[in-house]
Amino acid sequence: MSQWIEMGKFKELDEAAKKEASRLAEYALDVALDPAQVIRFEEAEDGFLLLIDKDFYKFYQGI
């Protein structure tokens, strides 16, 4: 099972949330990862969390 890293909090799945997810999806494609497998939104008590897979996070941070 993958571990997930929180990349952002949004009150709703609005244009700003979709834009950030799209930006991360482009980066995932650049490093040959399937965005559907490494990026997700999770409903939280006060909105939505944008999460990325821990391994993708390592690429993203250059680790």
PDB file of N, CA and C in Angstrom:
ATOM      1  N   MET A   1       0.838  -1.183   0.000  1.00  0.00           N
ATOM      2  CA  MET A   1       0.000   0.000   0.000  1.00  0.00           C
ATOM      3  C   MET A   1       0.883   1.247   0.000  1.00  0.00           C
ATOM      4  N   SER A   2       0.510   2.217  -0.794  1.00  0.00           N
ATOM      5  CA  SER A   2       1.274   3.462  -0.915  1.00  0.00           C
ATOM      6  C   SER A   2       1.054   4.360   0.291  1.00  0.00           C
ATOM      7  N   GLN A   3       2.063   5.133   0.578  1.00  0.00           N
ATOM      8  CA  GLN A   3       1.927   6.185   1.570  1.00  0.00           C
ATOM      9  C   GLN A   3       1.721   7.485   0.803  1.00  0.00           C
ATOM     10  N   TRP A   4       0.954   8.380   1.387  1.00  0.00           N
ATOM     11  CA  TRP A   4       0.591   9.614   0.703  1.00  0.00           C
ATOM     12  C   TRP A   4       1.078  10.820   1.484  1.00  0.00           C
ATOM     13  N   ILE A   5       1.480  11.850   0.746  1.00  0.00           N
ATOM     14  CA  ILE A   5       1.977  13.105   1.309  1.00  0.00           C
ATOM     15  C   ILE A   5       0.978  14.208   0.945  1.00  0.00           C
ATOM     16  N   GLU A   6       0.607  15.002   1.932  1.00  0.00           N
ATOM     17  CA  GLU A   6      -0.334  16.102   1.686  1.00  0.00           C
ATOM     18  C   GLU A   6       0.392  17.249   0.994  1.00  0.00           C
ATOM     19  N   MET A   7      -0.173  17.691  -0.141  1.00  0.00           N
ATOM     20  CA  MET A   7       0.423  18.791  -0.899  1.00  0.00           C
ATOM     21  C   MET A   7      -0.414  20.063  -0.862  1.00  0.00           C
ATOM     22  N   GLY A   8      -1.657  19.956  -0.420  1.00  0.00           N
ATOM     23  CA  GLY A   8      -2.489  21.144  -0.362  1.00  0.00           C
ATOM     24  C   GLY A   8      -3.844  20.860   0.243  1.00  0.00           C
ATOM     25  N   LYS A   9      -4.480  21.923   0.752  1.00  0.00           N
ATOM     26  CA  LYS A   9      -5.833  21.839   1.298  1.00  0.00           C
ATOM     27  C   LYS A   9      -6.709  22.822   0.539  1.00  0.00           C
ATOM     28  N   PHE A  10      -7.893  22.381   0.195  1.00  0.00           N
ATOM     29  CA  PHE A  10      -8.824  23.223  -0.545  1.00  0.00           C
ATOM     30  C   PHE A  10     -10.210  23.093   0.077  1.00  0.00           C
ATOM     31  N   LYS A  11     -10.924  24.202   0.157  1.00  0.00           N
ATOM     32  CA  LYS A  11     -12.283  24.168   0.709  1.00  0.00           C
ATOM     33  C   LYS A  11     -13.235  23.421  -0.216  1.00  0.00           C
ATOM     34  N   GLU A  12     -12.958  23.490  -1.521  1.00  0.00           N
ATOM     35  CA  GLU A  12     -13.783  22.787  -2.501  1.00  0.00           C
ATOM     36  C   GLU A  12     -12.923  22.438  -3.710  1.00  0.00           C
ATOM     37  N   LEU A  13     -13.438  21.555  -4.526  1.00  0.00           N
ATOM     38  CA  LEU A  13     -12.709  21.164  -5.732  1.00  0.00           C
ATOM     39  C   LEU A  13     -12.979  22.192  -6.824  1.00  0.00           C
ATOM     40  N   ASP A  14     -12.422  23.366  -6.632  1.00  0.00           N
ATOM     41  CA  ASP A  14     -12.637  24.475  -7.556  1.00  0.00           C
ATOM     42  C   ASP A  14     -11.510  24.524  -8.593  1.00  0.00           C
ATOM     43  N   GLU A  15     -11.481  25.594  -9.343  1.00  0.00           N
ATOM     44  CA  GLU A  15     -10.486  25.748 -10.405  1.00  0.00           C
ATOM     45  C   GLU A  15      -9.064  25.749  -9.858  1.00  0.00           C
ATOM     46  N   ALA A  16      -8.851  26.368  -8.704  1.00  0.00           N
ATOM     47  CA  ALA A  16      -7.510  26.400  -8.109  1.00  0.00           C
ATOM     48  C   ALA A  16      -7.032  24.991  -7.750  1.00  0.00           C
ATOM     49  N   ALA A  17      -7.904  24.179  -7.198  1.00  0.00           N
ATOM     50  CA  ALA A  17      -7.549  22.797  -6.840  1.00  0.00           C
ATOM     51  C   ALA A  17      -7.230  21.985  -8.084  1.00  0.00           C
ATOM     52  N   LYS A  18      -8.051  22.134  -9.098  1.00  0.00           N
ATOM     53  CA  LYS A  18      -7.834  21.395 -10.349  1.00  0.00           C
ATOM     54  C   LYS A  18      -6.556  21.849 -11.043  1.00  0.00           C
ATOM     55  N   LYS A  19      -6.263  23.144 -10.963  1.00  0.00           N
ATOM     56  CA  LYS A  19      -5.046  23.675 -11.586  1.00  0.00           C
ATOM     57  C   LYS A  19      -3.802  23.098 -10.913  1.00  0.00           C
ATOM     58  N   GLU A  20      -3.817  23.028  -9.581  1.00  0.00           N
ATOM     59  CA  GLU A  20      -2.675  22.472  -8.854  1.00  0.00           C
ATOM     60  C   GLU A  20      -2.508  20.984  -9.163  1.00  0.00           C
ATOM     61  N   ALA A  21      -3.603  20.245  -9.217  1.00  0.00           N
ATOM     62  CA  ALA A  21      -3.537  18.824  -9.557  1.00  0.00           C
ATOM     63  C   ALA A  21      -3.019  18.641 -10.984  1.00  0.00           C
ATOM     64  N   SER A  22      -3.429  19.501 -11.881  1.00  0.00           N
ATOM     65  CA  SER A  22      -2.972  19.435 -13.265  1.00  0.00           C
ATOM     66  C   SER A  22      -1.477  19.706 -13.365  1.00  0.00           C
ATOM     67  N   ARG A  23      -0.989  20.666 -12.594  1.00  0.00           N
ATOM     68  CA  ARG A  23       0.434  20.981 -12.582  1.00  0.00           C
ATOM     69  C   ARG A  23       1.236  19.768 -12.097  1.00  0.00           C
ATOM     70  N   LEU A  24       0.762  19.132 -11.044  1.00  0.00           N
ATOM     71  CA  LEU A  24       1.441  17.941 -10.534  1.00  0.00           C
ATOM     72  C   LEU A  24       1.350  16.783 -11.525  1.00  0.00           C
ATOM     73  N   ALA A  25       0.217  16.679 -12.226  1.00  0.00           N
ATOM     74  CA  ALA A  25       0.052  15.612 -13.224  1.00  0.00           C
ATOM     75  C   ALA A  25       1.060  15.768 -14.358  1.00  0.00           C
ATOM     76  N   GLU A  26       1.302  16.986 -14.785  1.00  0.00           N
ATOM     77  CA  GLU A  26       2.295  17.217 -15.835  1.00  0.00           C
ATOM     78  C   GLU A  26       3.680  16.791 -15.369  1.00  0.00           C
ATOM     79  N   TYR A  27       4.004  17.095 -14.136  1.00  0.00           N
ATOM     80  CA  TYR A  27       5.297  16.683 -13.596  1.00  0.00           C
ATOM     81  C   TYR A  27       5.377  15.160 -13.501  1.00  0.00           C
ATOM     82  N   ALA A  28       4.289  14.515 -13.078  1.00  0.00           N
ATOM     83  CA  ALA A  28       4.272  13.048 -12.995  1.00  0.00           C
ATOM     84  C   ALA A  28       4.544  12.442 -14.367  1.00  0.00           C
ATOM     85  N   LEU A  29       3.926  12.986 -15.393  1.00  0.00           N
ATOM     86  CA  LEU A  29       4.160  12.484 -16.747  1.00  0.00           C
ATOM     87  C   LEU A  29       5.608  12.689 -17.174  1.00  0.00           C
ATOM     88  N   ASP A  30       6.203  13.797 -16.751  1.00  0.00           N
ATOM     89  CA  ASP A  30       7.611  14.065 -17.081  1.00  0.00           C
ATOM     90  C   ASP A  30       8.553  13.014 -16.513  1.00  0.00           C
ATOM     91  N   VAL A  31       8.182  12.414 -15.395  1.00  0.00           N
ATOM     92  CA  VAL A  31       9.033  11.385 -14.783  1.00  0.00           C
ATOM     93  C   VAL A  31       8.447   9.982 -14.995  1.00  0.00           C
ATOM     94  N   ALA A  32       7.609   9.850 -16.037  1.00  0.00           N
ATOM     95  CA  ALA A  32       7.055   8.567 -16.489  1.00  0.00           C
ATOM     96  C   ALA A  32       6.186   7.867 -15.451  1.00  0.00           C
ATOM     97  N   LEU A  33       5.398   8.652 -14.701  1.00  0.00           N
ATOM     98  CA  LEU A  33       4.447   8.079 -13.757  1.00  0.00           C
ATOM     99  C   LEU A  33       3.028   8.381 -14.215  1.00  0.00           C
ATOM    100  N   ASP A  34       2.114   7.480 -13.913  1.00  0.00           N
ATOM    101  CA  ASP A  34       0.708   7.652 -14.255  1.00  0.00           C
ATOM    102  C   ASP A  34       0.062   8.570 -13.211  1.00  0.00           C
ATOM    103  N   PRO A  35      -0.368   9.771 -13.605  1.00  0.00           N
ATOM    104  CA  PRO A  35      -0.970  10.691 -12.639  1.00  0.00           C
ATOM    105  C   PRO A  35      -2.137  10.089 -11.848  1.00  0.00           C
ATOM    106  N   ALA A  36      -2.911   9.230 -12.481  1.00  0.00           N
ATOM    107  CA  ALA A  36      -4.050   8.614 -11.797  1.00  0.00           C
ATOM    108  C   ALA A  36      -3.605   7.705 -10.656  1.00  0.00           C
ATOM    109  N   GLN A  37      -2.374   7.252 -10.700  1.00  0.00           N
ATOM    110  CA  GLN A  37      -1.859   6.362  -9.664  1.00  0.00           C
ATOM    111  C   GLN A  37      -1.096   7.099  -8.564  1.00  0.00           C
ATOM    112  N   VAL A  38      -0.662   8.313  -8.830  1.00  0.00           N
ATOM    113  CA  VAL A  38       0.205   9.003  -7.862  1.00  0.00           C
ATOM    114  C   VAL A  38      -0.366  10.316  -7.320  1.00  0.00           C
ATOM    115  N   ILE A  39      -1.542  10.722  -7.813  1.00  0.00           N
ATOM    116  CA  ILE A  39      -2.173  11.971  -7.353  1.00  0.00           C
ATOM    117  C   ILE A  39      -3.634  11.680  -7.052  1.00  0.00           C
ATOM    118  N   ARG A  40      -4.103  12.198  -5.920  1.00  0.00           N
ATOM    119  CA  ARG A  40      -5.524  12.016  -5.607  1.00  0.00           C
ATOM    120  C   ARG A  40      -6.011  13.120  -4.672  1.00  0.00           C
ATOM    121  N   PHE A  41      -7.324  13.289  -4.675  1.00  0.00           N
ATOM    122  CA  PHE A  41      -7.983  14.156  -3.707  1.00  0.00           C
ATOM    123  C   PHE A  41      -8.667  13.259  -2.697  1.00  0.00           C
ATOM    124  N   GLU A  42      -8.656  13.689  -1.451  1.00  0.00           N
ATOM    125  CA  GLU A  42      -9.336  12.961  -0.390  1.00  0.00           C
ATOM    126  C   GLU A  42     -10.223  13.952   0.354  1.00  0.00           C
ATOM    127  N   GLU A  43     -11.456  13.550   0.583  1.00  0.00           N
ATOM    128  CA  GLU A  43     -12.363  14.430   1.296  1.00  0.00           C
ATOM    129  C   GLU A  43     -11.947  14.519   2.759  1.00  0.00           C
ATOM    130  N   ALA A  44     -11.917  15.727   3.280  1.00  0.00           N
ATOM    131  CA  ALA A  44     -11.566  15.982   4.676  1.00  0.00           C
ATOM    132  C   ALA A  44     -12.741  16.681   5.348  1.00  0.00           C
ATOM    133  N   GLU A  45     -12.650  16.835   6.624  1.00  0.00           N
ATOM    134  CA  GLU A  45     -13.736  17.440   7.392  1.00  0.00           C
ATOM    135  C   GLU A  45     -14.090  18.843   6.901  1.00  0.00           C
ATOM    136  N   ASP A  46     -13.077  19.620   6.537  1.00  0.00           N
ATOM    137  CA  ASP A  46     -13.322  21.005   6.131  1.00  0.00           C
ATOM    138  C   ASP A  46     -12.988  21.275   4.671  1.00  0.00           C
ATOM    139  N   GLY A  47     -13.040  20.238   3.831  1.00  0.00           N
ATOM    140  CA  GLY A  47     -12.774  20.427   2.410  1.00  0.00           C
ATOM    141  C   GLY A  47     -12.128  19.205   1.795  1.00  0.00           C
ATOM    142  N   PHE A  48     -11.053  19.439   1.042  1.00  0.00           N
ATOM    143  CA  PHE A  48     -10.376  18.366   0.330  1.00  0.00           C
ATOM    144  C   PHE A  48      -8.869  18.507   0.483  1.00  0.00           C
ATOM    145  N   LEU A  49      -8.197  17.364   0.537  1.00  0.00           N
ATOM    146  CA  LEU A  49      -6.741  17.327   0.579  1.00  0.00           C
ATOM    147  C   LEU A  49      -6.226  16.846  -0.766  1.00  0.00           C
ATOM    148  N   LEU A  50      -5.198  17.496  -1.261  1.00  0.00           N
ATOM    149  CA  LEU A  50      -4.502  17.045  -2.461  1.00  0.00           C
ATOM    150  C   LEU A  50      -3.313  16.234  -1.987  1.00  0.00           C
ATOM    151  N   LEU A  51      -3.275  14.956  -2.361  1.00  0.00           N
ATOM    152  CA  LEU A  51      -2.244  14.035  -1.901  1.00  0.00           C
ATOM    153  C   LEU A  51      -1.453  13.497  -3.077  1.00  0.00           C
ATOM    154  N   ILE A  52      -0.156  13.259  -2.844  1.00  0.00           N
ATOM    155  CA  ILE A  52       0.653  12.585  -3.854  1.00  0.00           C
ATOM    156  C   ILE A  52       1.361  11.401  -3.199  1.00  0.00           C
ATOM    157  N   ASP A  53       1.635  10.404  -4.006  1.00  0.00           N
ATOM    158  CA  ASP A  53       2.323   9.208  -3.563  1.00  0.00           C
ATOM    159  C   ASP A  53       3.713   9.560  -3.027  1.00  0.00           C
ATOM    160  N   LYS A  54       4.130   8.868  -1.983  1.00  0.00           N
ATOM    161  CA  LYS A  54       5.416   9.149  -1.350  1.00  0.00           C
ATOM    162  C   LYS A  54       6.584   9.016  -2.336  1.00  0.00           C
ATOM    163  N   ASP A  55       6.560   8.027  -3.208  1.00  0.00           N
ATOM    164  CA  ASP A  55       7.637   7.860  -4.184  1.00  0.00           C
ATOM    165  C   ASP A  55       7.653   9.008  -5.197  1.00  0.00           C
ATOM    166  N   PHE A  56       6.470   9.451  -5.617  1.00  0.00           N
ATOM    167  CA  PHE A  56       6.389  10.604  -6.509  1.00  0.00           C
ATOM    168  C   PHE A  56       6.905  11.845  -5.795  1.00  0.00           C
ATOM    169  N   TYR A  57       6.616  11.971  -4.518  1.00  0.00           N
ATOM    170  CA  TYR A  57       7.104  13.098  -3.725  1.00  0.00           C
ATOM    171  C   TYR A  57       8.630  13.156  -3.757  1.00  0.00           C
ATOM    172  N   LYS A  58       9.271  11.995  -3.701  1.00  0.00           N
ATOM    173  CA  LYS A  58      10.732  11.956  -3.743  1.00  0.00           C
ATOM    174  C   LYS A  58      11.240  12.518  -5.071  1.00  0.00           C
ATOM    175  N   PHE A  59      10.579  12.163  -6.193  1.00  0.00           N
ATOM    176  CA  PHE A  59      10.952  12.743  -7.484  1.00  0.00           C
ATOM    177  C   PHE A  59      10.718  14.247  -7.480  1.00  0.00           C
ATOM    178  N   TYR A  60       9.564  14.645  -6.968  1.00  0.00           N
ATOM    179  CA  TYR A  60       9.154  16.039  -6.941  1.00  0.00           C
ATOM    180  C   TYR A  60      10.154  16.889  -6.150  1.00  0.00           C
ATOM    181  N   GLN A  61      10.646  16.362  -5.048  1.00  0.00           N
ATOM    182  CA  GLN A  61      11.590  17.091  -4.205  1.00  0.00           C
ATOM    183  C   GLN A  61      13.040  16.901  -4.621  1.00  0.00           C
ATOM    184  N   GLY A  62      13.269  16.006  -5.574  1.00  0.00           N
ATOM    185  CA  GLY A  62      14.626  15.765  -6.043  1.00  0.00           C
ATOM    186  C   GLY A  62      15.458  14.937  -5.082  1.00  0.00           C
ATOM    187  N   ILE A  63      14.789  14.103  -4.318  1.00  0.00           N
ATOM    188  CA  ILE A  63      15.481  13.259  -3.334  1.00  0.00           C
ATOM    189  C   ILE A  63      16.013  12.014  -3.989  1.00  0.00           C
TER     190      ILE A  63
END
